[in-house]
PDB file of N, CA and C in Angstrom:
ATOM      1  N   MET A   1      12.960 -50.969 148.081  1.00  0.00           N
ATOM      2  CA  MET A   1      12.780 -49.772 148.891  1.00  0.00           C
ATOM      3  C   MET A   1      13.734 -48.690 148.373  1.00  0.00           C
ATOM      4  N   ALA A   2      13.238 -47.503 148.200  1.00  0.00           N
ATOM      5  CA  ALA A   2      14.040 -46.394 147.686  1.00  0.00           C
ATOM      6  C   ALA A   2      15.068 -45.956 148.729  1.00  0.00           C
ATOM      7  N   ARG A   3      16.112 -45.314 148.248  1.00  0.00           N
ATOM      8  CA  ARG A   3      17.200 -44.868 149.122  1.00  0.00           C
ATOM      9  C   ARG A   3      16.683 -44.003 150.272  1.00  0.00           C
ATOM     10  N   ASN A   4      15.801 -43.064 149.966  1.00  0.00           N
ATOM     11  CA  ASN A   4      15.256 -42.172 150.992  1.00  0.00           C
ATOM     12  C   ASN A   4      14.474 -42.957 152.046  1.00  0.00           C
ATOM     13  N   GLU A   5      13.706 -43.937 151.608  1.00  0.00           N
ATOM     14  CA  GLU A   5      12.938 -44.763 152.556  1.00  0.00           C
ATOM     15  C   GLU A   5      13.859 -45.572 153.452  1.00  0.00           C
ATOM     16  N   ARG A   6      14.942 -46.090 152.883  1.00  0.00           N
ATOM     17  CA  ARG A   6      15.930 -46.845 153.686  1.00  0.00           C
ATOM     18  C   ARG A   6      16.575 -45.950 154.724  1.00  0.00           C
ATOM     19  N   ARG A   7      16.914 -44.727 154.326  1.00  0.00           N
ATOM     20  CA  ARG A   7      17.529 -43.779 155.256  1.00  0.00           C
ATOM     21  C   ARG A   7      16.571 -43.441 156.396  1.00  0.00           C
ATOM     22  N   ILE A   8      15.307 -43.210 156.062  1.00  0.00           N
ATOM     23  CA  ILE A   8      14.306 -42.898 157.090  1.00  0.00           C
ATOM     24  C   ILE A   8      14.142 -44.079 158.044  1.00  0.00           C
ATOM     25  N   ALA A   9      14.096 -45.290 157.498  1.00  0.00           N
ATOM     26  CA  ALA A   9      13.966 -46.489 158.333  1.00  0.00           C
ATOM     27  C   ALA A   9      15.192 -46.667 159.229  1.00  0.00           C
ATOM     28  N   ALA A  10      16.373 -46.406 158.692  1.00  0.00           N
ATOM     29  CA  ALA A  10      17.609 -46.530 159.479  1.00  0.00           C
ATOM     30  C   ALA A  10      17.643 -45.484 160.600  1.00  0.00           C
ATOM     31  N   ASP A  11      17.232 -44.259 160.283  1.00  0.00           N
ATOM     32  CA  ASP A  11      17.180 -43.200 161.300  1.00  0.00           C
ATOM     33  C   ASP A  11      16.192 -43.552 162.404  1.00  0.00           C
ATOM     34  N   ARG A  12      15.052 -44.096 162.018  1.00  0.00           N
ATOM     35  CA  ARG A  12      14.034 -44.491 163.000  1.00  0.00           C
ATOM     36  C   ARG A  12      14.568 -45.623 163.895  1.00  0.00           C
ATOM     37  N   ALA A  13      15.237 -46.590 163.287  1.00  0.00           N
ATOM     38  CA  ALA A  13      15.803 -47.705 164.062  1.00  0.00           C
ATOM     39  C   ALA A  13      16.854 -47.199 165.048  1.00  0.00           C
ATOM     40  N   LEU A  14      17.672 -46.231 164.622  1.00  0.00           N
ATOM     41  CA  LEU A  14      18.696 -45.675 165.507  1.00  0.00           C
ATOM     42  C   LEU A  14      18.057 -44.913 166.662  1.00  0.00           C
ATOM     43  N   GLU A  15      17.034 -44.123 166.397  1.00  0.00           N
ATOM     44  CA  GLU A  15      16.340 -43.388 167.466  1.00  0.00           C
ATOM     45  C   GLU A  15      15.707 -44.348 168.469  1.00  0.00           C
ATOM     46  N   GLU A  16      15.147 -45.442 167.972  1.00  0.00           N
ATOM     47  CA  GLU A  16      14.565 -46.451 168.861  1.00  0.00           C
ATOM     48  C   GLU A  16      15.653 -47.103 169.719  1.00  0.00           C
ATOM     49  N   ALA A  17      16.802 -47.380 169.120  1.00  0.00           N
ATOM     50  CA  ALA A  17      17.922 -47.957 169.873  1.00  0.00           C
ATOM     51  C   ALA A  17      18.391 -46.979 170.947  1.00  0.00           C
ATOM     52  N   TYR A  18      18.473 -45.693 170.604  1.00  0.00           N
ATOM     53  CA  TYR A  18      18.882 -44.687 171.577  1.00  0.00           C
ATOM     54  C   TYR A  18      17.921 -44.640 172.766  1.00  0.00           C
ATOM     55  N   GLU A  19      16.633 -44.762 172.510  1.00  0.00           N
ATOM     56  CA  GLU A  19      15.653 -44.763 173.608  1.00  0.00           C
ATOM     57  C   GLU A  19      15.861 -45.973 174.524  1.00  0.00           C
ATOM     58  N   VAL A  20      16.122 -47.126 173.936  1.00  0.00           N
ATOM     59  CA  VAL A  20      16.400 -48.340 174.727  1.00  0.00           C
ATOM     60  C   VAL A  20      17.630 -48.109 175.604  1.00  0.00           C
ATOM     61  N   VAL A  21      18.677 -47.512 175.019  1.00  0.00           N
ATOM     62  CA  VAL A  21      19.927 -47.247 175.741  1.00  0.00           C
ATOM     63  C   VAL A  21      19.693 -46.243 176.868  1.00  0.00           C
ATOM     64  N   ASN A  22      18.918 -45.195 176.611  1.00  0.00           N
ATOM     65  CA  ASN A  22      18.637 -44.188 177.638  1.00  0.00           C
ATOM     66  C   ASN A  22      17.987 -44.833 178.859  1.00  0.00           C
ATOM     67  N   VAL A  23      17.038 -45.715 178.616  1.00  0.00           N
ATOM     68  CA  VAL A  23      16.359 -46.402 179.717  1.00  0.00           C
ATOM     69  C   VAL A  23      17.309 -47.388 180.397  1.00  0.00           C
ATOM     70  N   ARG A  24      17.996 -48.194 179.606  1.00  0.00           N
ATOM     71  CA  ARG A  24      18.910 -49.201 180.161  1.00  0.00           C
ATOM     72  C   ARG A  24      19.983 -48.552 181.047  1.00  0.00           C
ATOM     73  N   ASP A  25      20.550 -47.446 180.591  1.00  0.00           N
ATOM     74  CA  ASP A  25      21.639 -46.796 181.323  1.00  0.00           C
ATOM     75  C   ASP A  25      21.131 -45.776 182.345  1.00  0.00           C
ATOM     76  N   GLY A  26      19.814 -45.647 182.466  1.00  0.00           N
ATOM     77  CA  GLY A  26      19.231 -44.781 183.489  1.00  0.00           C
ATOM     78  C   GLY A  26      19.592 -43.314 183.354  1.00  0.00           C
ATOM     79  N   ASN A  27      19.822 -42.852 182.111  1.00  0.00           N
ATOM     80  CA  ASN A  27      20.221 -41.465 181.866  1.00  0.00           C
ATOM     81  C   ASN A  27      21.447 -41.057 182.672  1.00  0.00           C
ATOM     82  N   GLN A  28      22.366 -42.005 182.864  1.00  0.00           N
ATOM     83  CA  GLN A  28      23.629 -41.736 183.562  1.00  0.00           C
ATOM     84  C   GLN A  28      24.799 -42.044 182.642  1.00  0.00           C
ATOM     85  N   CYS A  29      25.822 -41.214 182.727  1.00  0.00           N
ATOM     86  CA  CYS A  29      27.047 -41.428 181.955  1.00  0.00           C
ATOM     87  C   CYS A  29      27.740 -42.680 182.469  1.00  0.00           C
ATOM     88  N   ARG A  30      28.092 -43.582 181.574  1.00  0.00           N
ATOM     89  CA  ARG A  30      28.775 -44.816 181.954  1.00  0.00           C
ATOM     90  C   ARG A  30      30.196 -44.549 182.451  1.00  0.00           C
ATOM     91  N   VAL A  31      30.774 -43.415 182.050  1.00  0.00           N
ATOM     92  CA  VAL A  31      32.158 -43.102 182.430  1.00  0.00           C
ATOM     93  C   VAL A  31      32.215 -42.352 183.755  1.00  0.00           C
ATOM     94  N   THR A  32      31.409 -41.308 183.896  1.00  0.00           N
ATOM     95  CA  THR A  32      31.503 -40.432 185.073  1.00  0.00           C
ATOM     96  C   THR A  32      30.441 -40.706 186.126  1.00  0.00           C
ATOM     97  N   GLY A  33      29.350 -41.354 185.744  1.00  0.00           N
ATOM     98  CA  GLY A  33      28.250 -41.591 186.669  1.00  0.00           C
ATOM     99  C   GLY A  33      27.305 -40.413 186.803  1.00  0.00           C
ATOM    100  N   ARG A  34      27.558 -39.330 186.063  1.00  0.00           N
ATOM    101  CA  ARG A  34      26.705 -38.141 186.145  1.00  0.00           C
ATOM    102  C   ARG A  34      25.342 -38.395 185.499  1.00  0.00           C
ATOM    103  N   PHE A  35      24.305 -37.759 186.051  1.00  0.00           N
ATOM    104  CA  PHE A  35      22.993 -37.794 185.421  1.00  0.00           C
ATOM    105  C   PHE A  35      23.011 -36.839 184.235  1.00  0.00           C
ATOM    106  N   LEU A  36      22.378 -37.240 183.145  1.00  0.00           N
ATOM    107  CA  LEU A  36      22.484 -36.511 181.880  1.00  0.00           C
ATOM    108  C   LEU A  36      21.150 -35.934 181.427  1.00  0.00           C
ATOM    109  N   GLN A  37      21.259 -34.884 180.586  1.00  0.00           N
ATOM    110  CA  GLN A  37      20.084 -34.228 180.007  1.00  0.00           C
ATOM    111  C   GLN A  37      20.308 -34.069 178.508  1.00  0.00           C
ATOM    112  N   ALA A  38      19.294 -34.377 177.733  1.00  0.00           N
ATOM    113  CA  ALA A  38      19.378 -34.176 176.286  1.00  0.00           C
ATOM    114  C   ALA A  38      19.457 -32.685 175.992  1.00  0.00           C
ATOM    115  N   GLY A  39      20.382 -32.298 175.120  1.00  0.00           N
ATOM    116  CA  GLY A  39      20.475 -30.909 174.680  1.00  0.00           C
ATOM    117  C   GLY A  39      21.036 -29.923 175.686  1.00  0.00           C
ATOM    118  N   ALA A  40      21.581 -30.399 176.806  1.00  0.00           N
ATOM    119  CA  ALA A  40      22.151 -29.493 177.809  1.00  0.00           C
ATOM    120  C   ALA A  40      23.327 -28.717 177.210  1.00  0.00           C
ATOM    121  N   VAL A  41      23.496 -27.485 177.632  1.00  0.00           N
ATOM    122  CA  VAL A  41      24.604 -26.662 177.156  1.00  0.00           C
ATOM    123  C   VAL A  41      25.922 -27.138 177.757  1.00  0.00           C
ATOM    124  N   ASP A  42      25.898 -27.509 179.017  1.00  0.00           N
ATOM    125  CA  ASP A  42      27.090 -27.950 179.740  1.00  0.00           C
ATOM    126  C   ASP A  42      27.491 -29.358 179.278  1.00  0.00           C
ATOM    127  N   ALA A  43      28.683 -29.481 178.704  1.00  0.00           N
ATOM    128  CA  ALA A  43      29.168 -30.772 178.186  1.00  0.00           C
ATOM    129  C   ALA A  43      29.285 -31.831 179.273  1.00  0.00           C
ATOM    130  N   ARG A  44      29.375 -31.397 180.521  1.00  0.00           N
ATOM    131  CA  ARG A  44      29.496 -32.373 181.618  1.00  0.00           C
ATOM    132  C   ARG A  44      28.200 -33.132 181.856  1.00  0.00           C
ATOM    133  N   VAL A  45      27.077 -32.582 181.410  1.00  0.00           N
ATOM    134  CA  VAL A  45      25.787 -33.241 181.635  1.00  0.00           C
ATOM    135  C   VAL A  45      24.979 -33.434 180.342  1.00  0.00           C
ATOM    136  N   ARG A  46      25.558 -33.073 179.190  1.00  0.00           N
ATOM    137  CA  ARG A  46      24.842 -33.258 177.925  1.00  0.00           C
ATOM    138  C   ARG A  46      24.913 -34.725 177.513  1.00  0.00           C
ATOM    139  N   ARG A  47      23.761 -35.303 177.227  1.00  0.00           N
ATOM    140  CA  ARG A  47      23.649 -36.718 176.876  1.00  0.00           C
ATOM    141  C   ARG A  47      24.090 -36.967 175.435  1.00  0.00           C
ATOM    142  N   GLU A  48      24.997 -37.933 175.268  1.00  0.00           N
ATOM    143  CA  GLU A  48      25.423 -38.375 173.946  1.00  0.00           C
ATOM    144  C   GLU A  48      25.498 -39.896 173.949  1.00  0.00           C
ATOM    145  N   HIS A  49      25.511 -40.468 172.761  1.00  0.00           N
ATOM    146  CA  HIS A  49      25.563 -41.917 172.615  1.00  0.00           C
ATOM    147  C   HIS A  49      26.870 -42.287 171.926  1.00  0.00           C
ATOM    148  N   HIS A  50      27.567 -43.268 172.486  1.00  0.00           N
ATOM    149  CA  HIS A  50      28.833 -43.715 171.917  1.00  0.00           C
ATOM    150  C   HIS A  50      28.692 -45.145 171.424  1.00  0.00           C
ATOM    151  N   HIS A  51      29.135 -45.398 170.200  1.00  0.00           N
ATOM    152  CA  HIS A  51      29.131 -46.746 169.639  1.00  0.00           C
ATOM    153  C   HIS A  51      30.439 -47.442 170.021  1.00  0.00           C
ATOM    154  N   LEU A  52      30.334 -48.572 170.707  1.00  0.00           N
ATOM    155  CA  LEU A  52      31.523 -49.302 171.145  1.00  0.00           C
ATOM    156  C   LEU A  52      32.334 -49.779 169.946  1.00  0.00           C
ATOM    157  N   GLN A  53      31.661 -50.303 168.947  1.00  0.00           N
ATOM    158  CA  GLN A  53      32.313 -50.614 167.674  1.00  0.00           C
ATOM    159  C   GLN A  53      31.900 -49.487 166.730  1.00  0.00           C
ATOM    160  N   PRO A  54      32.864 -48.771 166.168  1.00  0.00           N
ATOM    161  CA  PRO A  54      32.550 -47.598 165.350  1.00  0.00           C
ATOM    162  C   PRO A  54      31.545 -47.895 164.233  1.00  0.00           C
ATOM    163  N   ARG A  55      30.719 -46.919 163.971  1.00  0.00           N
ATOM    164  CA  ARG A  55      29.683 -47.062 162.947  1.00  0.00           C
ATOM    165  C   ARG A  55      30.283 -47.415 161.591  1.00  0.00           C
ATOM    166  N   SER A  56      31.457 -46.855 161.308  1.00  0.00           N
ATOM    167  CA  SER A  56      32.093 -47.108 160.010  1.00  0.00           C
ATOM    168  C   SER A  56      32.647 -48.527 159.902  1.00  0.00           C
ATOM    169  N   LEU A  57      33.011 -49.127 161.044  1.00  0.00           N
ATOM    170  CA  LEU A  57      33.582 -50.470 161.028  1.00  0.00           C
ATOM    171  C   LEU A  57      32.556 -51.572 161.244  1.00  0.00           C
ATOM    172  N   ALA A  58      31.423 -51.219 161.834  1.00  0.00           N
ATOM    173  CA  ALA A  58      30.376 -52.207 162.107  1.00  0.00           C
ATOM    174  C   ALA A  58      29.017 -51.628 161.710  1.00  0.00           C
ATOM    175  N   PRO A  59      28.802 -51.386 160.407  1.00  0.00           N
ATOM    176  CA  PRO A  59      27.544 -50.776 159.974  1.00  0.00           C
ATOM    177  C   PRO A  59      26.324 -51.627 160.320  1.00  0.00           C
ATOM    178  N   ASP A  60      26.507 -52.917 160.458  1.00  0.00           N
ATOM    179  CA  ASP A  60      25.393 -53.793 160.812  1.00  0.00           C
ATOM    180  C   ASP A  60      24.994 -53.663 162.281  1.00  0.00           C
ATOM    181  N   ARG A  61      25.837 -53.015 163.107  1.00  0.00           N
ATOM    182  CA  ARG A  61      25.557 -52.862 164.537  1.00  0.00           C
ATOM    183  C   ARG A  61      25.200 -51.423 164.926  1.00  0.00           C
ATOM    184  N   VAL A  62      25.011 -50.556 163.944  1.00  0.00           N
ATOM    185  CA  VAL A  62      24.751 -49.138 164.217  1.00  0.00           C
ATOM    186  C   VAL A  62      23.533 -48.950 165.114  1.00  0.00           C
ATOM    187  N   ALA A  63      22.453 -49.670 164.851  1.00  0.00           N
ATOM    188  CA  ALA A  63      21.211 -49.497 165.608  1.00  0.00           C
ATOM    189  C   ALA A  63      20.995 -50.615 166.622  1.00  0.00           C
ATOM    190  N   GLU A  64      22.070 -51.251 167.041  1.00  0.00           N
ATOM    191  CA  GLU A  64      21.994 -52.330 168.022  1.00  0.00           C
ATOM    192  C   GLU A  64      22.289 -51.764 169.414  1.00  0.00           C
ATOM    193  N   PRO A  65      21.323 -51.782 170.325  1.00  0.00           N
ATOM    194  CA  PRO A  65      21.565 -51.225 171.659  1.00  0.00           C
ATOM    195  C   PRO A  65      22.776 -51.831 172.377  1.00  0.00           C
ATOM    196  N   SER A  66      23.121 -53.065 172.069  1.00  0.00           N
ATOM    197  CA  SER A  66      24.282 -53.694 172.723  1.00  0.00           C
ATOM    198  C   SER A  66      25.602 -53.088 172.255  1.00  0.00           C
ATOM    199  N   ASN A  67      25.566 -52.255 171.220  1.00  0.00           N
ATOM    200  CA  ASN A  67      26.767 -51.594 170.722  1.00  0.00           C
ATOM    201  C   ASN A  67      26.819 -50.118 171.117  1.00  0.00           C
ATOM    202  N   ILE A  68      25.829 -49.661 171.887  1.00  0.00           N
ATOM    203  CA  ILE A  68      25.721 -48.227 172.201  1.00  0.00           C
ATOM    204  C   ILE A  68      25.694 -48.025 173.713  1.00  0.00           C
ATOM    205  N   ILE A  69      26.460 -47.037 174.183  1.00  0.00           N
ATOM    206  CA  ILE A  69      26.429 -46.668 175.603  1.00  0.00           C
ATOM    207  C   ILE A  69      26.107 -45.185 175.728  1.00  0.00           C
ATOM    208  N   LEU A  70      25.628 -44.826 176.896  1.00  0.00           N
ATOM    209  CA  LEU A  70      25.297 -43.438 177.194  1.00  0.00           C
ATOM    210  C   LEU A  70      26.492 -42.793 177.892  1.00  0.00           C
ATOM    211  N   VAL A  71      26.915 -41.643 177.389  1.00  0.00           N
ATOM    212  CA  VAL A  71      28.039 -40.913 177.972  1.00  0.00           C
ATOM    213  C   VAL A  71      27.733 -39.418 177.948  1.00  0.00           C
ATOM    214  N   CYS A  72      28.415 -38.667 178.798  1.00  0.00           N
ATOM    215  CA  CYS A  72      28.304 -37.213 178.730  1.00  0.00           C
ATOM    216  C   CYS A  72      29.190 -36.731 177.575  1.00  0.00           C
ATOM    217  N   ALA A  73      28.906 -35.548 177.065  1.00  0.00           N
ATOM    218  CA  ALA A  73      29.657 -35.006 175.937  1.00  0.00           C
ATOM    219  C   ALA A  73      31.139 -34.850 176.279  1.00  0.00           C
ATOM    220  N   GLU A  74      31.433 -34.493 177.533  1.00  0.00           N
ATOM    221  CA  GLU A  74      32.823 -34.328 177.948  1.00  0.00           C
ATOM    222  C   GLU A  74      33.580 -35.657 177.823  1.00  0.00           C
ATOM    223  N   ALA A  75      32.995 -36.728 178.334  1.00  0.00           N
ATOM    224  CA  ALA A  75      33.639 -38.042 178.245  1.00  0.00           C
ATOM    225  C   ALA A  75      33.696 -38.521 176.801  1.00  0.00           C
ATOM    226  N   HIS A  76      32.648 -38.244 176.027  1.00  0.00           N
ATOM    227  CA  HIS A  76      32.620 -38.672 174.629  1.00  0.00           C
ATOM    228  C   HIS A  76      33.762 -38.046 173.847  1.00  0.00           C
ATOM    229  N   ASP A  77      34.002 -36.757 174.067  1.00  0.00           N
ATOM    230  CA  ASP A  77      35.123 -36.087 173.400  1.00  0.00           C
ATOM    231  C   ASP A  77      36.455 -36.735 173.774  1.00  0.00           C
ATOM    232  N   LEU A  78      36.608 -37.108 175.031  1.00  0.00           N
ATOM    233  CA  LEU A  78      37.854 -37.728 175.489  1.00  0.00           C
ATOM    234  C   LEU A  78      38.005 -39.151 174.966  1.00  0.00           C
ATOM    235  N   ILE A  79      36.894 -39.860 174.802  1.00  0.00           N
ATOM    236  CA  ILE A  79      36.952 -41.209 174.221  1.00  0.00           C
ATOM    237  C   ILE A  79      37.339 -41.118 172.751  1.00  0.00           C
ATOM    238  N   THR A  80      36.649 -40.270 171.998  1.00  0.00           N
ATOM    239  CA  THR A  80      36.945 -40.169 170.567  1.00  0.00           C
ATOM    240  C   THR A  80      38.316 -39.539 170.310  1.00  0.00           C
ATOM    241  N   GLY A  81      38.811 -38.753 171.269  1.00  0.00           N
ATOM    242  CA  GLY A  81      40.156 -38.183 171.155  1.00  0.00           C
ATOM    243  C   GLY A  81      41.242 -39.119 171.647  1.00  0.00           C
ATOM    244  N   ARG A  82      40.860 -40.316 172.062  1.00  0.00           N
ATOM    245  CA  ARG A  82      41.764 -41.382 172.531  1.00  0.00           C
ATOM    246  C   ARG A  82      42.474 -41.044 173.841  1.00  0.00           C
ATOM    247  N   PHE A  83      41.854 -40.195 174.654  1.00  0.00           N
ATOM    248  CA  PHE A  83      42.379 -39.915 175.990  1.00  0.00           C
ATOM    249  C   PHE A  83      41.829 -40.923 177.002  1.00  0.00           C
ATOM    250  N   ILE A  84      40.689 -41.515 176.669  1.00  0.00           N
ATOM    251  CA  ILE A  84      40.093 -42.572 177.489  1.00  0.00           C
ATOM    252  C   ILE A  84      39.985 -43.820 176.627  1.00  0.00           C
ATOM    253  N   ASP A  85      40.500 -44.935 177.147  1.00  0.00           N
ATOM    254  CA  ASP A  85      40.395 -46.218 176.458  1.00  0.00           C
ATOM    255  C   ASP A  85      39.148 -46.940 176.948  1.00  0.00           C
ATOM    256  N   VAL A  86      38.473 -47.618 176.029  1.00  0.00           N
ATOM    257  CA  VAL A  86      37.256 -48.364 176.338  1.00  0.00           C
ATOM    258  C   VAL A  86      37.571 -49.849 176.226  1.00  0.00           C
ATOM    259  N   GLU A  87      37.192 -50.596 177.244  1.00  0.00           N
ATOM    260  CA  GLU A  87      37.409 -52.039 177.268  1.00  0.00           C
ATOM    261  C   GLU A  87      36.038 -52.720 177.269  1.00  0.00           C
ATOM    262  N   GLY A  88      35.684 -53.303 176.125  1.00  0.00           N
ATOM    263  CA  GLY A  88      34.405 -53.987 175.993  1.00  0.00           C
ATOM    264  C   GLY A  88      33.728 -53.629 174.687  1.00  0.00           C
ATOM    265  N   THR A  89      32.980 -54.589 174.156  1.00  0.00           N
ATOM    266  CA  THR A  89      32.273 -54.369 172.888  1.00  0.00           C
ATOM    267  C   THR A  89      30.794 -54.722 172.984  1.00  0.00           C
ATOM    268  N   ASP A  90      30.328 -55.065 174.172  1.00  0.00           N
ATOM    269  CA  ASP A  90      28.922 -55.422 174.367  1.00  0.00           C
ATOM    270  C   ASP A  90      28.402 -54.654 175.574  1.00  0.00           C
ATOM    271  N   ALA A  91      27.509 -53.704 175.319  1.00  0.00           N
ATOM    272  CA  ALA A  91      27.005 -52.828 176.379  1.00  0.00           C
ATOM    273  C   ALA A  91      26.111 -53.546 177.377  1.00  0.00           C
ATOM    274  N   THR A  92      25.686 -54.773 177.066  1.00  0.00           N
ATOM    275  CA  THR A  92      24.870 -55.524 178.019  1.00  0.00           C
ATOM    276  C   THR A  92      25.737 -56.241 179.046  1.00  0.00           C
ATOM    277  N   LYS A  93      27.047 -56.169 178.850  1.00  0.00           N
ATOM    278  CA  LYS A  93      28.024 -56.747 179.778  1.00  0.00           C
ATOM    279  C   LYS A  93      28.856 -55.598 180.349  1.00  0.00           C
ATOM    280  N   PRO A  94      29.660 -55.868 181.374  1.00  0.00           N
ATOM    281  CA  PRO A  94      30.489 -54.773 181.918  1.00  0.00           C
ATOM    282  C   PRO A  94      31.412 -54.154 180.866  1.00  0.00           C
ATOM    283  N   VAL A  95      31.437 -52.840 180.851  1.00  0.00           N
ATOM    284  CA  VAL A  95      32.329 -52.079 179.980  1.00  0.00           C
ATOM    285  C   VAL A  95      33.185 -51.225 180.907  1.00  0.00           C
ATOM    286  N   PHE A  96      34.500 -51.227 180.684  1.00  0.00           N
ATOM    287  CA  PHE A  96      35.423 -50.508 181.556  1.00  0.00           C
ATOM    288  C   PHE A  96      36.135 -49.404 180.784  1.00  0.00           C
ATOM    289  N   PHE A  97      36.498 -48.360 181.512  1.00  0.00           N
ATOM    290  CA  PHE A  97      37.161 -47.197 180.930  1.00  0.00           C
ATOM    291  C   PHE A  97      38.429 -46.916 181.720  1.00  0.00           C
ATOM    292  N   HIS A  98      39.482 -46.510 181.010  1.00  0.00           N
ATOM    293  CA  HIS A  98      40.768 -46.210 181.638  1.00  0.00           C
ATOM    294  C   HIS A  98      41.369 -44.991 180.970  1.00  0.00           C
ATOM    295  N   TRP A  99      42.033 -44.166 181.758  1.00  0.00           N
ATOM    296  CA  TRP A  99      42.767 -43.046 181.177  1.00  0.00           C
ATOM    297  C   TRP A  99      43.916 -43.608 180.359  1.00  0.00           C
ATOM    298  N   ASN A 100      44.138 -43.075 179.174  1.00  0.00           N
ATOM    299  CA  ASN A 100      45.296 -43.406 178.367  1.00  0.00           C
ATOM    300  C   ASN A 100      46.433 -42.548 178.926  1.00  0.00           C
ATOM    301  N   GLU A 101      47.228 -43.139 179.796  1.00  0.00           N
ATOM    302  CA  GLU A 101      48.251 -42.377 180.532  1.00  0.00           C
ATOM    303  C   GLU A 101      49.243 -41.684 179.609  1.00  0.00           C
ATOM    304  N   GLU A 102      49.574 -42.316 178.499  1.00  0.00           N
ATOM    305  CA  GLU A 102      50.513 -41.705 177.556  1.00  0.00           C
ATOM    306  C   GLU A 102      49.910 -40.438 176.944  1.00  0.00           C
ATOM    307  N   ALA A 103      48.652 -40.517 176.527  1.00  0.00           N
ATOM    308  CA  ALA A 103      47.985 -39.351 175.930  1.00  0.00           C
ATOM    309  C   ALA A 103      47.740 -38.258 176.965  1.00  0.00           C
ATOM    310  N   MET A 104      47.532 -38.662 178.224  1.00  0.00           N
ATOM    311  CA  MET A 104      47.221 -37.694 179.282  1.00  0.00           C
ATOM    312  C   MET A 104      48.470 -37.096 179.933  1.00  0.00           C
ATOM    313  N   ARG A 105      49.641 -37.540 179.547  1.00  0.00           N
ATOM    314  CA  ARG A 105      50.885 -37.048 180.161  1.00  0.00           C
ATOM    315  C   ARG A 105      50.935 -35.523 180.126  1.00  0.00           C
ATOM    316  N   GLY A 106      51.095 -34.926 181.298  1.00  0.00           N
ATOM    317  CA  GLY A 106      51.170 -33.470 181.404  1.00  0.00           C
ATOM    318  C   GLY A 106      49.819 -32.779 181.437  1.00  0.00           C
ATOM    319  N   ARG A 107      48.736 -33.543 181.408  1.00  0.00           N
ATOM    320  CA  ARG A 107      47.384 -32.965 181.424  1.00  0.00           C
ATOM    321  C   ARG A 107      46.699 -33.307 182.734  1.00  0.00           C
ATOM    322  N   VAL A 108      45.759 -32.483 183.095  1.00  0.00           N
ATOM    323  CA  VAL A 108      44.957 -32.715 184.292  1.00  0.00           C
ATOM    324  C   VAL A 108      43.740 -33.549 183.901  1.00  0.00           C
ATOM    325  N   LYS A 109      43.487 -34.605 184.649  1.00  0.00           N
ATOM    326  CA  LYS A 109      42.303 -35.430 184.402  1.00  0.00           C
ATOM    327  C   LYS A 109      41.088 -34.659 184.913  1.00  0.00           C
ATOM    328  N   PRO A 110      40.105 -34.374 184.042  1.00  0.00           N
ATOM    329  CA  PRO A 110      38.991 -33.507 184.422  1.00  0.00           C
ATOM    330  C   PRO A 110      37.949 -34.144 185.341  1.00  0.00           C
ATOM    331  N   PHE A 111      37.982 -35.457 185.502  1.00  0.00           N
ATOM    332  CA  PHE A 111      37.031 -36.146 186.372  1.00  0.00           C
ATOM    333  C   PHE A 111      37.565 -37.519 186.734  1.00  0.00           C
ATOM    334  N   ARG A 112      36.902 -38.149 187.679  1.00  0.00           N
ATOM    335  CA  ARG A 112      37.247 -39.496 188.114  1.00  0.00           C
ATOM    336  C   ARG A 112      36.383 -40.478 187.334  1.00  0.00           C
ATOM    337  N   ILE A 113      37.003 -41.480 186.739  1.00  0.00           N
ATOM    338  CA  ILE A 113      36.266 -42.520 186.018  1.00  0.00           C
ATOM    339  C   ILE A 113      35.655 -43.450 187.052  1.00  0.00           C
ATOM    340  N   VAL A 114      34.348 -43.719 186.931  1.00  0.00           N
ATOM    341  CA  VAL A 114      33.666 -44.537 187.934  1.00  0.00           C
ATOM    342  C   VAL A 114      33.611 -46.016 187.580  1.00  0.00           C
ATOM    343  N   SER A 115      33.892 -46.381 186.352  1.00  0.00           N
ATOM    344  CA  SER A 115      33.765 -47.793 185.976  1.00  0.00           C
ATOM    345  C   SER A 115      35.109 -48.389 185.571  1.00  0.00           C
ATOM    346  N   LYS A 116      36.091 -48.263 186.430  1.00  0.00           N
ATOM    347  CA  LYS A 116      37.405 -48.830 186.201  1.00  0.00           C
ATOM    348  C   LYS A 116      37.396 -50.307 186.596  1.00  0.00           C
ATOM    349  N   ARG A 117      38.242 -51.065 185.942  1.00  0.00           N
ATOM    350  CA  ARG A 117      38.471 -52.440 186.367  1.00  0.00           C
ATOM    351  C   ARG A 117      39.461 -52.372 187.521  1.00  0.00           C
ATOM    352  N   THR A 118      39.150 -53.047 188.605  1.00  0.00           N
ATOM    353  CA  THR A 118      40.060 -53.057 189.752  1.00  0.00           C
ATOM    354  C   THR A 118      40.628 -54.445 189.928  1.00  0.00           C
ATOM    355  N   ALA A 119      41.799 -54.526 190.500  1.00  0.00           N
ATOM    356  CA  ALA A 119      42.446 -55.815 190.731  1.00  0.00           C
ATOM    357  C   ALA A 119      41.633 -56.602 191.753  1.00  0.00           C
ATOM    358  N   ALA A 120      41.499 -57.903 191.502  1.00  0.00           N
ATOM    359  CA  ALA A 120      40.725 -58.761 192.410  1.00  0.00           C
ATOM    360  C   ALA A 120      41.551 -59.185 193.594  1.00  0.00           C
TER     361      ALA A 120
END
């Protein structure tokens, strides 16, 4: 298979995985619980996909729905900026999010995280 054909097949597989994730997560941000819209201008409701294991470190899991979660653009920026820590590597199981208190020192938390682990 030529390089271009492989790229097209990989892109198609990723789009299919994203559709599975959109349905599985009910178009809701896993971090904030907000309902999301594709292409929204407002980062608080713009739908984005986050790979639990980075694409560069787990290329074999790029198009695997169990490695992808639905988040709003605002939360995605905070996750990739290391202001929010993610606990979990399988989206079919519980995934928890926590503010990185050291990184957030002196900053205002812009929203309440809805999927925190609580003490039993």
